[in-house]
Amino acid sequence: MKIRLFLSLFLLCAALVPGGAAADPRDERNLHPFAILADLVLLRPFGLALTVGGAGVFIATTPFAGIASIAPPHDALQKSSEMLVLAPAAFTFMRPLGDFSYQMGGVYSR
């Protein structure tokens, strides 16, 4: 029983270490391991929930945004899709792990 516990802990520790070894040596970001873990465990699932919820709200409000697009500048649908779906999706899927800065264009500095 002790050997299984030891091997389990060893494999868990070994799985966490190679990420730093495979990192780009020119990467000047100083990321703390707990920041990466918090991003992976807390923020990514929360961002996924916001993306799904925002998609539902966008679908529900599309008729109203369509009516609002009649008047100039005719961009109510585009703005609502960006704010309700694209922004949470970019925050969840396009942002580098552990990088808490958010940019709508998806361009992140190294």
C-alpha atoms as a PDB file:
ATOM      1  CA  MET A   1       0.000   0.000   0.000  1.00  0.00           C
ATOM      2  CA  LYS A   2       2.852   2.405   0.812  1.00  0.00           C
ATOM      3  CA  ILE A   3       4.512   1.761  -2.533  1.00  0.00           C
ATOM      4  CA  ARG A   4       1.310   2.724  -4.387  1.00  0.00           C
ATOM      5  CA  LEU A   5       1.057   5.967  -2.446  1.00  0.00           C
ATOM      6  CA  PHE A   6       4.730   6.726  -3.082  1.00  0.00           C
ATOM      7  CA  LEU A   7       4.411   5.995  -6.813  1.00  0.00           C
ATOM      8  CA  SER A   8       1.249   8.063  -7.071  1.00  0.00           C
ATOM      9  CA  LEU A   9       2.892  11.072  -5.425  1.00  0.00           C
ATOM     10  CA  PHE A  10       6.047  10.604  -7.494  1.00  0.00           C
ATOM     11  CA  LEU A  11       4.088  10.501 -10.754  1.00  0.00           C
ATOM     12  CA  LEU A  12       2.066  13.546  -9.747  1.00  0.00           C
ATOM     13  CA  CYS A  13       5.236  15.513  -9.001  1.00  0.00           C
ATOM     14  CA  ALA A  14       6.887  14.281 -12.185  1.00  0.00           C
ATOM     15  CA  ALA A  15       3.880  15.361 -14.238  1.00  0.00           C
ATOM     16  CA  LEU A  16       4.101  18.902 -12.877  1.00  0.00           C
ATOM     17  CA  VAL A  17       7.834  19.402 -13.489  1.00  0.00           C
ATOM     18  CA  PRO A  18       8.311  18.962 -17.283  1.00  0.00           C
ATOM     19  CA  GLY A  19       6.241  22.049 -18.138  1.00  0.00           C
ATOM     20  CA  GLY A  20       9.031  24.332 -16.981  1.00  0.00           C
ATOM     21  CA  ALA A  21      11.708  22.299 -18.736  1.00  0.00           C
ATOM     22  CA  ALA A  22       9.896  22.512 -22.072  1.00  0.00           C
ATOM     23  CA  ALA A  23       9.320  26.261 -21.801  1.00  0.00           C
ATOM     24  CA  ASP A  24      10.905  28.704 -24.184  1.00  0.00           C
ATOM     25  CA  PRO A  25      14.155  29.957 -22.592  1.00  0.00           C
ATOM     26  CA  ARG A  26      13.564  33.388 -24.154  1.00  0.00           C
ATOM     27  CA  ASP A  27      10.236  33.700 -22.341  1.00  0.00           C
ATOM     28  CA  GLU A  28      10.690  36.603 -19.938  1.00  0.00           C
ATOM     29  CA  ARG A  29       7.366  36.164 -18.173  1.00  0.00           C
ATOM     30  CA  ASN A  30       7.920  35.204 -14.567  1.00  0.00           C
ATOM     31  CA  LEU A  31       4.972  32.911 -13.874  1.00  0.00           C
ATOM     32  CA  HIS A  32       4.390  31.453 -10.468  1.00  0.00           C
ATOM     33  CA  PRO A  33       3.354  27.759 -10.442  1.00  0.00           C
ATOM     34  CA  PHE A  34       0.367  28.542  -8.225  1.00  0.00           C
ATOM     35  CA  ALA A  35      -0.804  31.165 -10.723  1.00  0.00           C
ATOM     36  CA  ILE A  36      -0.733  28.554 -13.468  1.00  0.00           C
ATOM     37  CA  LEU A  37      -2.565  26.056 -11.269  1.00  0.00           C
ATOM     38  CA  ALA A  38      -5.205  28.628 -10.289  1.00  0.00           C
ATOM     39  CA  ASP A  39      -5.673  29.529 -13.934  1.00  0.00           C
ATOM     40  CA  LEU A  40      -6.077  25.888 -14.931  1.00  0.00           C
ATOM     41  CA  VAL A  41      -8.351  24.835 -12.069  1.00  0.00           C
ATOM     42  CA  LEU A  42     -10.422  27.979 -11.444  1.00  0.00           C
ATOM     43  CA  LEU A  43     -10.374  30.461 -14.303  1.00  0.00           C
ATOM     44  CA  ARG A  44     -10.545  28.150 -17.318  1.00  0.00           C
ATOM     45  CA  PRO A  45     -13.691  26.298 -16.144  1.00  0.00           C
ATOM     46  CA  PHE A  46     -15.227  29.634 -15.110  1.00  0.00           C
ATOM     47  CA  GLY A  47     -14.418  31.059 -18.553  1.00  0.00           C
ATOM     48  CA  LEU A  48     -15.965  28.025 -20.223  1.00  0.00           C
ATOM     49  CA  ALA A  49     -19.143  28.498 -18.184  1.00  0.00           C
ATOM     50  CA  LEU A  50     -19.225  32.180 -19.139  1.00  0.00           C
ATOM     51  CA  THR A  51     -18.760  31.292 -22.806  1.00  0.00           C
ATOM     52  CA  VAL A  52     -21.644  28.800 -22.764  1.00  0.00           C
ATOM     53  CA  GLY A  53     -23.863  31.142 -20.746  1.00  0.00           C
ATOM     54  CA  GLY A  54     -23.002  34.077 -22.988  1.00  0.00           C
ATOM     55  CA  ALA A  55     -23.863  32.023 -26.064  1.00  0.00           C
ATOM     56  CA  GLY A  56     -27.259  31.257 -24.548  1.00  0.00           C
ATOM     57  CA  VAL A  57     -27.896  34.916 -23.724  1.00  0.00           C
ATOM     58  CA  PHE A  58     -26.735  35.913 -27.213  1.00  0.00           C
ATOM     59  CA  ILE A  59     -29.160  33.468 -28.835  1.00  0.00           C
ATOM     60  CA  ALA A  60     -31.986  34.728 -26.633  1.00  0.00           C
ATOM     61  CA  THR A  61     -31.285  38.397 -27.360  1.00  0.00           C
ATOM     62  CA  THR A  62     -30.494  38.106 -31.078  1.00  0.00           C
ATOM     63  CA  PRO A  63     -33.941  39.359 -32.183  1.00  0.00           C
ATOM     64  CA  PHE A  64     -33.555  42.499 -30.065  1.00  0.00           C
ATOM     65  CA  ALA A  65     -29.999  43.083 -31.269  1.00  0.00           C
ATOM     66  CA  GLY A  66     -31.227  42.617 -34.832  1.00  0.00           C
ATOM     67  CA  ILE A  67     -33.845  45.302 -34.317  1.00  0.00           C
ATOM     68  CA  ALA A  68     -31.218  47.564 -32.754  1.00  0.00           C
ATOM     69  CA  SER A  69     -28.999  47.043 -35.818  1.00  0.00           C
ATOM     70  CA  ILE A  70     -31.504  48.821 -38.053  1.00  0.00           C
ATOM     71  CA  ALA A  71     -30.324  52.233 -36.886  1.00  0.00           C
ATOM     72  CA  PRO A  72     -26.816  53.391 -37.761  1.00  0.00           C
ATOM     73  CA  PRO A  73     -24.030  52.316 -37.143  1.00  0.00           C
ATOM     74  CA  HIS A  74     -25.619  48.859 -37.762  1.00  0.00           C
ATOM     75  CA  ASP A  75     -23.256  46.970 -35.450  1.00  0.00           C
ATOM     76  CA  ALA A  76     -25.437  45.860 -32.520  1.00  0.00           C
ATOM     77  CA  LEU A  77     -25.215  42.160 -33.479  1.00  0.00           C
ATOM     78  CA  GLN A  78     -21.457  42.358 -33.872  1.00  0.00           C
ATOM     79  CA  LYS A  79     -20.960  44.126 -30.544  1.00  0.00           C
ATOM     80  CA  SER A  80     -23.254  41.767 -28.667  1.00  0.00           C
ATOM     81  CA  SER A  81     -21.541  38.699 -30.134  1.00  0.00           C
ATOM     82  CA  GLU A  82     -18.120  40.097 -29.237  1.00  0.00           C
ATOM     83  CA  MET A  83     -19.083  40.877 -25.652  1.00  0.00           C
ATOM     84  CA  LEU A  84     -21.207  37.797 -24.894  1.00  0.00           C
ATOM     85  CA  VAL A  85     -19.409  35.013 -26.790  1.00  0.00           C
ATOM     86  CA  LEU A  86     -16.088  35.996 -28.350  1.00  0.00           C
ATOM     87  CA  ALA A  87     -14.571  37.804 -25.354  1.00  0.00           C
ATOM     88  CA  PRO A  88     -15.149  34.940 -22.855  1.00  0.00           C
ATOM     89  CA  ALA A  89     -14.038  32.400 -25.473  1.00  0.00           C
ATOM     90  CA  ALA A  90     -10.817  34.322 -26.140  1.00  0.00           C
ATOM     91  CA  PHE A  91     -10.193  34.649 -22.398  1.00  0.00           C
ATOM     92  CA  THR A  92     -10.695  30.893 -21.976  1.00  0.00           C
ATOM     93  CA  PHE A  93      -9.077  29.370 -25.051  1.00  0.00           C
ATOM     94  CA  MET A  94      -6.661  31.863 -26.610  1.00  0.00           C
ATOM     95  CA  ARG A  95      -4.908  33.235 -23.523  1.00  0.00           C
ATOM     96  CA  PRO A  96      -1.605  31.579 -22.553  1.00  0.00           C
ATOM     97  CA  LEU A  97      -1.771  29.515 -19.381  1.00  0.00           C
ATOM     98  CA  GLY A  98      -0.988  31.639 -16.341  1.00  0.00           C
ATOM     99  CA  ASP A  99      -1.178  34.942 -18.244  1.00  0.00           C
ATOM    100  CA  PHE A 100      -3.932  37.000 -16.622  1.00  0.00           C
ATOM    101  CA  SER A 101      -3.768  39.932 -19.005  1.00  0.00           C
ATOM    102  CA  TYR A 102      -6.620  39.883 -21.470  1.00  0.00           C
ATOM    103  CA  GLN A 103      -6.614  41.405 -24.923  1.00  0.00           C
ATOM    104  CA  MET A 104      -9.622  41.149 -27.225  1.00  0.00           C
ATOM    105  CA  GLY A 105      -7.490  40.775 -30.362  1.00  0.00           C
ATOM    106  CA  GLY A 106      -5.825  37.691 -28.932  1.00  0.00           C
ATOM    107  CA  VAL A 107      -2.307  39.098 -29.285  1.00  0.00           C
ATOM    108  CA  TYR A 108      -0.300  38.476 -26.136  1.00  0.00           C
ATOM    109  CA  SER A 109       3.206  39.684 -25.451  1.00  0.00           C
ATOM    110  CA  ARG A 110       5.827  37.236 -24.350  1.00  0.00           C
END
